[in-house]
């Protein structure tokens, strides 16, 4: 069940006239836990992406350093590898 579907289901229990006080309280607690877990998941995803982008930045710095030092051997291959990794991380690719 998706996050939004579960959140909607719990909210409907909280607001339903037919729900008992115990059901409402249980739904409120479950909703709070659901939200907390979602926030934790999003923070972890953000941290993982930040690590990936920092690694990409370091790789690009290495390419720039090679170009600056006139060490052009392998620079094009390095750039192609970086572009492929960026495309893979972004979920895109060159289909042609």
PDB file of N, CA and C in Angstrom:
ATOM      1  N   UNK A   1       0.863  -1.181   0.000  1.00  0.00           N
ATOM      2  CA  UNK A   1       0.000   0.000   0.000  1.00  0.00           C
ATOM      3  C   UNK A   1       0.902   1.235   0.000  1.00  0.00           C
ATOM      4  N   UNK A   2       0.554   2.197  -0.815  1.00  0.00           N
ATOM      5  CA  UNK A   2       1.386   3.403  -0.916  1.00  0.00           C
ATOM      6  C   UNK A   2       1.250   4.261   0.338  1.00  0.00           C
ATOM      7  N   UNK A   3       2.229   5.103   0.514  1.00  0.00           N
ATOM      8  CA  UNK A   3       2.225   6.024   1.659  1.00  0.00           C
ATOM      9  C   UNK A   3       0.958   6.864   1.657  1.00  0.00           C
ATOM     10  N   UNK A   4       0.637   7.472   0.521  1.00  0.00           N
ATOM     11  CA  UNK A   4      -0.521   8.369   0.448  1.00  0.00           C
ATOM     12  C   UNK A   4      -1.827   7.617   0.682  1.00  0.00           C
ATOM     13  N   UNK A   5      -1.929   6.420   0.167  1.00  0.00           N
ATOM     14  CA  UNK A   5      -3.136   5.607   0.367  1.00  0.00           C
ATOM     15  C   UNK A   5      -3.320   5.292   1.844  1.00  0.00           C
ATOM     16  N   UNK A   6      -2.241   4.885   2.492  1.00  0.00           N
ATOM     17  CA  UNK A   6      -2.306   4.565   3.927  1.00  0.00           C
ATOM     18  C   UNK A   6      -2.627   5.811   4.746  1.00  0.00           C
ATOM     19  N   UNK A   7      -2.011   6.930   4.397  1.00  0.00           N
ATOM     20  CA  UNK A   7      -2.280   8.181   5.105  1.00  0.00           C
ATOM     21  C   UNK A   7      -3.753   8.566   4.970  1.00  0.00           C
ATOM     22  N   UNK A   8      -4.295   8.440   3.774  1.00  0.00           N
ATOM     23  CA  UNK A   8      -5.711   8.743   3.544  1.00  0.00           C
ATOM     24  C   UNK A   8      -6.618   7.806   4.338  1.00  0.00           C
ATOM     25  N   UNK A   9      -6.250   6.525   4.382  1.00  0.00           N
ATOM     26  CA  UNK A   9      -7.046   5.542   5.111  1.00  0.00           C
ATOM     27  C   UNK A   9      -7.087   5.882   6.601  1.00  0.00           C
ATOM     28  N   UNK A  10      -5.937   6.214   7.154  1.00  0.00           N
ATOM     29  CA  UNK A  10      -5.880   6.570   8.574  1.00  0.00           C
ATOM     30  C   UNK A  10      -6.655   7.856   8.850  1.00  0.00           C
ATOM     31  N   UNK A  11      -6.523   8.832   7.957  1.00  0.00           N
ATOM     32  CA  UNK A  11      -7.251  10.093   8.140  1.00  0.00           C
ATOM     33  C   UNK A  11      -8.754   9.866   8.103  1.00  0.00           C
ATOM     34  N   UNK A  12      -9.196   8.953   7.251  1.00  0.00           N
ATOM     35  CA  UNK A  12     -10.640   8.685   7.177  1.00  0.00           C
ATOM     36  C   UNK A  12     -11.146   8.024   8.460  1.00  0.00           C
ATOM     37  N   UNK A  13     -10.304   7.210   9.085  1.00  0.00           N
ATOM     38  CA  UNK A  13     -10.678   6.622  10.379  1.00  0.00           C
ATOM     39  C   UNK A  13     -10.767   7.712  11.436  1.00  0.00           C
ATOM     40  N   UNK A  14      -9.811   8.624  11.422  1.00  0.00           N
ATOM     41  CA  UNK A  14      -9.782   9.704  12.419  1.00  0.00           C
ATOM     42  C   UNK A  14     -11.014  10.584  12.303  1.00  0.00           C
ATOM     43  N   UNK A  15     -11.479  10.839  11.099  1.00  0.00           N
ATOM     44  CA  UNK A  15     -12.579  11.789  10.894  1.00  0.00           C
ATOM     45  C   UNK A  15     -13.953  11.138  10.761  1.00  0.00           C
ATOM     46  N   UNK A  16     -13.996   9.807  10.698  1.00  0.00           N
ATOM     47  CA  UNK A  16     -15.285   9.129  10.506  1.00  0.00           C
ATOM     48  C   UNK A  16     -16.152   9.230  11.755  1.00  0.00           C
ATOM     49  N   UNK A  17     -17.411   9.552  11.558  1.00  0.00           N
ATOM     50  CA  UNK A  17     -18.361   9.618  12.672  1.00  0.00           C
ATOM     51  C   UNK A  17     -18.543   8.262  13.333  1.00  0.00           C
ATOM     52  N   UNK A  18     -18.379   7.198  12.566  1.00  0.00           N
ATOM     53  CA  UNK A  18     -18.599   5.853  13.089  1.00  0.00           C
ATOM     54  C   UNK A  18     -17.408   5.307  13.873  1.00  0.00           C
ATOM     55  N   UNK A  19     -16.264   5.986  13.847  1.00  0.00           N
ATOM     56  CA  UNK A  19     -15.076   5.514  14.566  1.00  0.00           C
ATOM     57  C   UNK A  19     -15.227   5.764  16.059  1.00  0.00           C
ATOM     58  N   UNK A  20     -14.743   4.794  16.818  1.00  0.00           N
ATOM     59  CA  UNK A  20     -14.740   4.965  18.277  1.00  0.00           C
ATOM     60  C   UNK A  20     -13.537   5.809  18.679  1.00  0.00           C
ATOM     61  N   UNK A  21     -13.550   6.279  19.918  1.00  0.00           N
ATOM     62  CA  UNK A  21     -12.402   7.049  20.419  1.00  0.00           C
ATOM     63  C   UNK A  21     -11.127   6.220  20.361  1.00  0.00           C
ATOM     64  N   UNK A  22     -11.232   4.945  20.682  1.00  0.00           N
ATOM     65  CA  UNK A  22     -10.063   4.061  20.644  1.00  0.00           C
ATOM     66  C   UNK A  22      -9.538   3.903  19.218  1.00  0.00           C
ATOM     67  N   UNK A  23     -10.448   3.766  18.257  1.00  0.00           N
ATOM     68  CA  UNK A  23     -10.041   3.650  16.858  1.00  0.00           C
ATOM     69  C   UNK A  23      -9.370   4.930  16.383  1.00  0.00           C
ATOM     70  N   UNK A  24      -9.927   6.060  16.772  1.00  0.00           N
ATOM     71  CA  UNK A  24      -9.329   7.347  16.379  1.00  0.00           C
ATOM     72  C   UNK A  24      -7.926   7.495  16.970  1.00  0.00           C
ATOM     73  N   UNK A  25      -7.799   7.165  18.240  1.00  0.00           N
ATOM     74  CA  UNK A  25      -6.487   7.288  18.888  1.00  0.00           C
ATOM     75  C   UNK A  25      -5.470   6.350  18.237  1.00  0.00           C
ATOM     76  N   UNK A  26      -5.874   5.122  17.951  1.00  0.00           N
ATOM     77  CA  UNK A  26      -4.974   4.171  17.292  1.00  0.00           C
ATOM     78  C   UNK A  26      -4.584   4.675  15.901  1.00  0.00           C
ATOM     79  N   UNK A  27      -5.540   5.246  15.192  1.00  0.00           N
ATOM     80  CA  UNK A  27      -5.257   5.786  13.862  1.00  0.00           C
ATOM     81  C   UNK A  27      -4.320   6.985  13.949  1.00  0.00           C
ATOM     82  N   UNK A  28      -4.505   7.834  14.955  1.00  0.00           N
ATOM     83  CA  UNK A  28      -3.599   8.988  15.132  1.00  0.00           C
ATOM     84  C   UNK A  28      -2.171   8.528  15.410  1.00  0.00           C
ATOM     85  N   UNK A  29      -2.040   7.525  16.268  1.00  0.00           N
ATOM     86  CA  UNK A  29      -0.710   6.999  16.579  1.00  0.00           C
ATOM     87  C   UNK A  29      -0.070   6.376  15.344  1.00  0.00           C
ATOM     88  N   UNK A  30      -0.859   5.588  14.596  1.00  0.00           N
ATOM     89  CA  UNK A  30      -0.343   4.957  13.384  1.00  0.00           C
ATOM     90  C   UNK A  30       0.043   6.005  12.344  1.00  0.00           C
ATOM     91  N   UNK A  31      -0.757   7.057  12.245  1.00  0.00           N
ATOM     92  CA  UNK A  31      -0.462   8.141  11.296  1.00  0.00           C
ATOM     93  C   UNK A  31       0.841   8.835  11.673  1.00  0.00           C
ATOM     94  N   UNK A  32       1.033   9.077  12.943  1.00  0.00           N
ATOM     95  CA  UNK A  32       2.266   9.722  13.406  1.00  0.00           C
ATOM     96  C   UNK A  32       3.485   8.854  13.082  1.00  0.00           C
ATOM     97  N   UNK A  33       3.372   7.571  13.328  1.00  0.00           N
ATOM     98  CA  UNK A  33       4.470   6.651  13.021  1.00  0.00           C
ATOM     99  C   UNK A  33       4.731   6.607  11.517  1.00  0.00           C
ATOM    100  N   UNK A  34       3.661   6.548  10.733  1.00  0.00           N
ATOM    101  CA  UNK A  34       3.782   6.530   9.275  1.00  0.00           C
ATOM    102  C   UNK A  34       4.524   7.769   8.775  1.00  0.00           C
ATOM    103  N   UNK A  35       4.140   8.927   9.278  1.00  0.00           N
ATOM    104  CA  UNK A  35       4.787  10.178   8.872  1.00  0.00           C
ATOM    105  C   UNK A  35       6.251  10.191   9.290  1.00  0.00           C
ATOM    106  N   UNK A  36       6.529   9.781  10.530  1.00  0.00           N
ATOM    107  CA  UNK A  36       7.917   9.748  11.009  1.00  0.00           C
ATOM    108  C   UNK A  36       8.776   8.822  10.156  1.00  0.00           C
ATOM    109  N   UNK A  37       8.239   7.654   9.817  1.00  0.00           N
ATOM    110  CA  UNK A  37       8.987   6.702   8.984  1.00  0.00           C
ATOM    111  C   UNK A  37       9.226   7.255   7.589  1.00  0.00           C
ATOM    112  N   UNK A  38       8.244   7.951   7.050  1.00  0.00           N
ATOM    113  CA  UNK A  38       8.387   8.554   5.711  1.00  0.00           C
ATOM    114  C   UNK A  38       9.482   9.623   5.725  1.00  0.00           C
ATOM    115  N   UNK A  39       9.476  10.440   6.761  1.00  0.00           N
ATOM    116  CA  UNK A  39      10.512  11.473   6.887  1.00  0.00           C
ATOM    117  C   UNK A  39      11.892  10.821   6.988  1.00  0.00           C
ATOM    118  N   UNK A  40      12.003   9.763   7.783  1.00  0.00           N
ATOM    119  CA  UNK A  40      13.281   9.053   7.906  1.00  0.00           C
ATOM    120  C   UNK A  40      13.737   8.506   6.554  1.00  0.00           C
ATOM    121  N   UNK A  41      12.798   7.913   5.805  1.00  0.00           N
ATOM    122  CA  UNK A  41      13.129   7.372   4.485  1.00  0.00           C
ATOM    123  C   UNK A  41      13.604   8.468   3.538  1.00  0.00           C
ATOM    124  N   UNK A  42      12.906   9.601   3.556  1.00  0.00           N
ATOM    125  CA  UNK A  42      13.288  10.707   2.667  1.00  0.00           C
ATOM    126  C   UNK A  42      14.647  11.286   3.044  1.00  0.00           C
ATOM    127  N   UNK A  43      14.919  11.401   4.338  1.00  0.00           N
ATOM    128  CA  UNK A  43      16.229  11.896   4.777  1.00  0.00           C
ATOM    129  C   UNK A  43      17.347  10.949   4.346  1.00  0.00           C
ATOM    130  N   UNK A  44      17.115   9.648   4.470  1.00  0.00           N
ATOM    131  CA  UNK A  44      18.107   8.666   4.050  1.00  0.00           C
ATOM    132  C   UNK A  44      18.347   8.759   2.544  1.00  0.00           C
ATOM    133  N   UNK A  45      17.272   8.887   1.788  1.00  0.00           N
ATOM    134  CA  UNK A  45      17.404   9.028   0.338  1.00  0.00           C
ATOM    135  C   UNK A  45      18.182  10.297  -0.015  1.00  0.00           C
ATOM    136  N   UNK A  46      17.891  11.386   0.682  1.00  0.00           N
ATOM    137  CA  UNK A  46      18.599  12.644   0.461  1.00  0.00           C
ATOM    138  C   UNK A  46      20.087  12.480   0.769  1.00  0.00           C
ATOM    139  N   UNK A  47      20.401  11.815   1.877  1.00  0.00           N
ATOM    140  CA  UNK A  47      21.800  11.598   2.243  1.00  0.00           C
ATOM    141  C   UNK A  47      22.515  10.743   1.201  1.00  0.00           C
ATOM    142  N   UNK A  48      21.829   9.699   0.722  1.00  0.00           N
ATOM    143  CA  UNK A  48      22.431   8.838  -0.302  1.00  0.00           C
ATOM    144  C   UNK A  48      22.707   9.617  -1.585  1.00  0.00           C
ATOM    145  N   UNK A  49      21.754  10.433  -2.003  1.00  0.00           N
ATOM    146  CA  UNK A  49      21.941  11.243  -3.214  1.00  0.00           C
ATOM    147  C   UNK A  49      23.068  12.250  -3.023  1.00  0.00           C
ATOM    148  N   UNK A  50      23.146  12.828  -1.840  1.00  0.00           N
ATOM    149  CA  UNK A  50      24.209  13.793  -1.562  1.00  0.00           C
ATOM    150  C   UNK A  50      25.576  13.124  -1.689  1.00  0.00           C
ATOM    151  N   UNK A  51      25.699  11.904  -1.176  1.00  0.00           N
ATOM    152  CA  UNK A  51      26.952  11.166  -1.308  1.00  0.00           C
ATOM    153  C   UNK A  51      27.283  10.917  -2.784  1.00  0.00           C
ATOM    154  N   UNK A  52      26.270  10.557  -3.568  1.00  0.00           N
ATOM    155  CA  UNK A  52      26.498  10.313  -4.990  1.00  0.00           C
ATOM    156  C   UNK A  52      26.946  11.584  -5.699  1.00  0.00           C
ATOM    157  N   UNK A  53      26.304  12.689  -5.396  1.00  0.00           N
ATOM    158  CA  UNK A  53      26.683  13.951  -6.047  1.00  0.00           C
ATOM    159  C   UNK A  53      28.070  14.408  -5.601  1.00  0.00           C
ATOM    160  N   UNK A  54      28.396  14.211  -4.344  1.00  0.00           N
ATOM    161  CA  UNK A  54      29.744  14.571  -3.883  1.00  0.00           C
ATOM    162  C   UNK A  54      30.803  13.732  -4.586  1.00  0.00           C
ATOM    163  N   UNK A  55      30.521  12.441  -4.785  1.00  0.00           N
ATOM    164  CA  UNK A  55      31.453  11.580  -5.507  1.00  0.00           C
ATOM    165  C   UNK A  55      31.584  12.044  -6.955  1.00  0.00           C
ATOM    166  N   UNK A  56      30.478  12.421  -7.569  1.00  0.00           N
ATOM    167  CA  UNK A  56      30.513  12.935  -8.943  1.00  0.00           C
ATOM    168  C   UNK A  56      31.355  14.209  -9.019  1.00  0.00           C
ATOM    169  N   UNK A  57      31.159  15.107  -8.086  1.00  0.00           N
ATOM    170  CA  UNK A  57      31.923  16.355  -8.058  1.00  0.00           C
ATOM    171  C   UNK A  57      33.419  16.057  -7.953  1.00  0.00           C
ATOM    172  N   UNK A  58      33.793  15.112  -7.108  1.00  0.00           N
ATOM    173  CA  UNK A  58      35.207  14.764  -6.964  1.00  0.00           C
ATOM    174  C   UNK A  58      35.762  14.185  -8.260  1.00  0.00           C
ATOM    175  N   UNK A  59      34.970  13.359  -8.936  1.00  0.00           N
ATOM    176  CA  UNK A  59      35.424  12.810 -10.221  1.00  0.00           C
ATOM    177  C   UNK A  59      35.600  13.918 -11.252  1.00  0.00           C
ATOM    178  N   UNK A  60      34.672  14.842 -11.289  1.00  0.00           N
ATOM    179  CA  UNK A  60      34.784  15.958 -12.236  1.00  0.00           C
ATOM    180  C   UNK A  60      35.989  16.834 -11.917  1.00  0.00           C
ATOM    181  N   UNK A  61      36.269  17.029 -10.639  1.00  0.00           N
ATOM    182  CA  UNK A  61      37.467  17.790 -10.268  1.00  0.00           C
ATOM    183  C   UNK A  61      38.723  17.094 -10.792  1.00  0.00           C
ATOM    184  N   UNK A  62      38.739  15.773 -10.705  1.00  0.00           N
ATOM    185  CA  UNK A  62      39.882  15.017 -11.215  1.00  0.00           C
ATOM    186  C   UNK A  62      40.065  15.212 -12.706  1.00  0.00           C
ATOM    187  N   UNK A  63      38.963  15.214 -13.449  1.00  0.00           N
ATOM    188  CA  UNK A  63      39.032  15.440 -14.895  1.00  0.00           C
ATOM    189  C   UNK A  63      39.559  16.841 -15.183  1.00  0.00           C
ATOM    190  N   UNK A  64      39.055  17.826 -14.465  1.00  0.00           N
ATOM    191  CA  UNK A  64      39.502  19.208 -14.654  1.00  0.00           C
ATOM    192  C   UNK A  64      40.985  19.326 -14.316  1.00  0.00           C
ATOM    193  N   UNK A  65      41.406  18.660 -13.247  1.00  0.00           N
ATOM    194  CA  UNK A  65      42.831  18.700 -12.873  1.00  0.00           C
ATOM    195  C   UNK A  65      43.706  18.109 -13.971  1.00  0.00           C
ATOM    196  N   UNK A  66      43.266  17.020 -14.598  1.00  0.00           N
ATOM    197  CA  UNK A  66      44.038  16.421 -15.694  1.00  0.00           C
ATOM    198  C   UNK A  66      44.119  17.363 -16.883  1.00  0.00           C
ATOM    199  N   UNK A  67      43.004  17.983 -17.204  1.00  0.00           N
ATOM    200  CA  UNK A  67      43.003  18.933 -18.318  1.00  0.00           C
ATOM    201  C   UNK A  67      43.930  20.103 -17.997  1.00  0.00           C
ATOM    202  N   UNK A  68      43.855  20.609 -16.782  1.00  0.00           N
ATOM    203  CA  UNK A  68      44.689  21.744 -16.376  1.00  0.00           C
ATOM    204  C   UNK A  68      46.167  21.393 -16.418  1.00  0.00           C
ATOM    205  N   UNK A  69      46.509  20.167 -16.149  1.00  0.00           N
ATOM    206  CA  UNK A  69      47.908  19.729 -16.142  1.00  0.00           C
ATOM    207  C   UNK A  69      48.335  19.221 -17.523  1.00  0.00           C
ATOM    208  N   UNK A  70      47.472  19.432 -18.541  1.00  0.00           N
ATOM    209  CA  UNK A  70      47.762  18.986 -19.908  1.00  0.00           C
ATOM    210  C   UNK A  70      47.970  17.478 -20.003  1.00  0.00           C
ATOM    211  N   UNK A  71      47.343  16.750 -19.133  1.00  0.00           N
ATOM    212  CA  UNK A  71      47.383  15.288 -19.194  1.00  0.00           C
ATOM    213  C   UNK A  71      46.084  14.822 -19.853  1.00  0.00           C
ATOM    214  N   UNK A  72      46.000  15.024 -21.152  1.00  0.00           N
ATOM    215  CA  UNK A  72      44.756  14.778 -21.868  1.00  0.00           C
ATOM    216  C   UNK A  72      44.486  13.301 -22.155  1.00  0.00           C
ATOM    217  N   UNK A  73      45.487  12.453 -21.959  1.00  0.00           N
ATOM    218  CA  UNK A  73      45.273  11.033 -22.198  1.00  0.00           C
ATOM    219  C   UNK A  73      44.222  10.503 -21.235  1.00  0.00           C
ATOM    220  N   UNK A  74      43.201   9.942 -21.796  1.00  0.00           N
ATOM    221  CA  UNK A  74      42.143   9.350 -20.973  1.00  0.00           C
ATOM    222  C   UNK A  74      41.077  10.317 -20.501  1.00  0.00           C
ATOM    223  N   UNK A  75      41.233  11.600 -20.766  1.00  0.00           N
ATOM    224  CA  UNK A  75      40.253  12.586 -20.293  1.00  0.00           C
ATOM    225  C   UNK A  75      38.906  12.361 -20.963  1.00  0.00           C
ATOM    226  N   UNK A  76      38.916  12.135 -22.270  1.00  0.00           N
ATOM    227  CA  UNK A  76      37.653  11.914 -22.986  1.00  0.00           C
ATOM    228  C   UNK A  76      36.964  10.665 -22.444  1.00  0.00           C
ATOM    229  N   UNK A  77      37.720   9.587 -22.249  1.00  0.00           N
ATOM    230  CA  UNK A  77      37.132   8.368 -21.681  1.00  0.00           C
ATOM    231  C   UNK A  77      36.592   8.629 -20.282  1.00  0.00           C
ATOM    232  N   UNK A  78      37.322   9.403 -19.519  1.00  0.00           N
ATOM    233  CA  UNK A  78      36.861   9.748 -18.173  1.00  0.00           C
ATOM    234  C   UNK A  78      35.562  10.535 -18.201  1.00  0.00           C
ATOM    235  N   UNK A  79      35.472  11.463 -19.132  1.00  0.00           N
ATOM    236  CA  UNK A  79      34.248  12.260 -19.252  1.00  0.00           C
ATOM    237  C   UNK A  79      33.080  11.382 -19.695  1.00  0.00           C
ATOM    238  N   UNK A  80      33.352  10.471 -20.632  1.00  0.00           N
ATOM    239  CA  UNK A  80      32.290   9.569 -21.087  1.00  0.00           C
ATOM    240  C   UNK A  80      31.786   8.696 -19.938  1.00  0.00           C
ATOM    241  N   UNK A  81      32.695   8.208 -19.105  1.00  0.00           N
ATOM    242  CA  UNK A  81      32.291   7.401 -17.951  1.00  0.00           C
ATOM    243  C   UNK A  81      31.443   8.215 -16.979  1.00  0.00           C
ATOM    244  N   UNK A  82      31.849   9.451 -16.739  1.00  0.00           N
ATOM    245  CA  UNK A  82      31.101  10.317 -15.830  1.00  0.00           C
ATOM    246  C   UNK A  82      29.709  10.593 -16.382  1.00  0.00           C
ATOM    247  N   UNK A  83      29.632  10.896 -17.683  1.00  0.00           N
ATOM    248  CA  UNK A  83      28.334  11.173 -18.308  1.00  0.00           C
ATOM    249  C   UNK A  83      27.429   9.948 -18.204  1.00  0.00           C
ATOM    250  N   UNK A  84      27.967   8.771 -18.454  1.00  0.00           N
ATOM    251  CA  UNK A  84      27.172   7.551 -18.344  1.00  0.00           C
ATOM    252  C   UNK A  84      26.666   7.342 -16.918  1.00  0.00           C
ATOM    253  N   UNK A  85      27.521   7.601 -15.936  1.00  0.00           N
ATOM    254  CA  UNK A  85      27.106   7.451 -14.534  1.00  0.00           C
ATOM    255  C   UNK A  85      26.015   8.446 -14.164  1.00  0.00           C
ATOM    256  N   UNK A  86      26.152   9.675 -14.649  1.00  0.00           N
ATOM    257  CA  UNK A  86      25.141  10.704 -14.370  1.00  0.00           C
ATOM    258  C   UNK A  86      23.823  10.292 -15.013  1.00  0.00           C
ATOM    259  N   UNK A  87      23.880   9.811 -16.242  1.00  0.00           N
ATOM    260  CA  UNK A  87      22.660   9.362 -16.921  1.00  0.00           C
ATOM    261  C   UNK A  87      22.021   8.211 -16.170  1.00  0.00           C
ATOM    262  N   UNK A  88      22.818   7.275 -15.698  1.00  0.00           N
ATOM    263  CA  UNK A  88      22.277   6.130 -14.953  1.00  0.00           C
ATOM    264  C   UNK A  88      21.643   6.584 -13.656  1.00  0.00           C
ATOM    265  N   UNK A  89      22.286   7.516 -12.944  1.00  0.00           N
ATOM    266  CA  UNK A  89      21.741   8.020 -11.682  1.00  0.00           C
ATOM    267  C   UNK A  89      20.449   8.792 -11.909  1.00  0.00           C
ATOM    268  N   UNK A  90      20.360   9.458 -13.056  1.00  0.00           N
ATOM    269  CA  UNK A  90      19.174  10.249 -13.358  1.00  0.00           C
ATOM    270  C   UNK A  90      18.091   9.408 -14.008  1.00  0.00           C
ATOM    271  N   UNK A  91      18.401   8.168 -14.336  1.00  0.00           N
ATOM    272  CA  UNK A  91      17.414   7.295 -14.959  1.00  0.00           C
ATOM    273  C   UNK A  91      17.210   7.570 -16.440  1.00  0.00           C
ATOM    274  N   UNK A  92      18.207   8.209 -17.079  1.00  0.00           N
ATOM    275  CA  UNK A  92      18.127   8.476 -18.506  1.00  0.00           C
ATOM    276  C   UNK A  92      19.280   7.761 -19.184  1.00  0.00           C
ATOM    277  N   UNK A  93      19.260   7.804 -20.473  1.00  0.00           N
ATOM    278  CA  UNK A  93      20.358   7.196 -21.205  1.00  0.00           C
ATOM    279  C   UNK A  93      20.283   7.569 -22.660  1.00  0.00           C
ATOM    280  N   UNK A  94      21.379   7.307 -23.354  1.00  0.00           N
ATOM    281  CA  UNK A  94      21.438   7.590 -24.790  1.00  0.00           C
ATOM    282  C   UNK A  94      20.948   6.338 -25.507  1.00  0.00           C
ATOM    283  N   UNK A  95      19.785   6.444 -26.094  1.00  0.00           N
ATOM    284  CA  UNK A  95      19.211   5.299 -26.797  1.00  0.00           C
ATOM    285  C   UNK A  95      19.574   5.267 -28.272  1.00  0.00           C
ATOM    286  N   UNK A  96      20.425   6.138 -28.729  1.00  0.00           N
ATOM    287  CA  UNK A  96      20.729   6.174 -30.154  1.00  0.00           C
ATOM    288  C   UNK A  96      22.111   6.229 -30.431  1.00  0.00           C
TER     289      UNK A  96
END
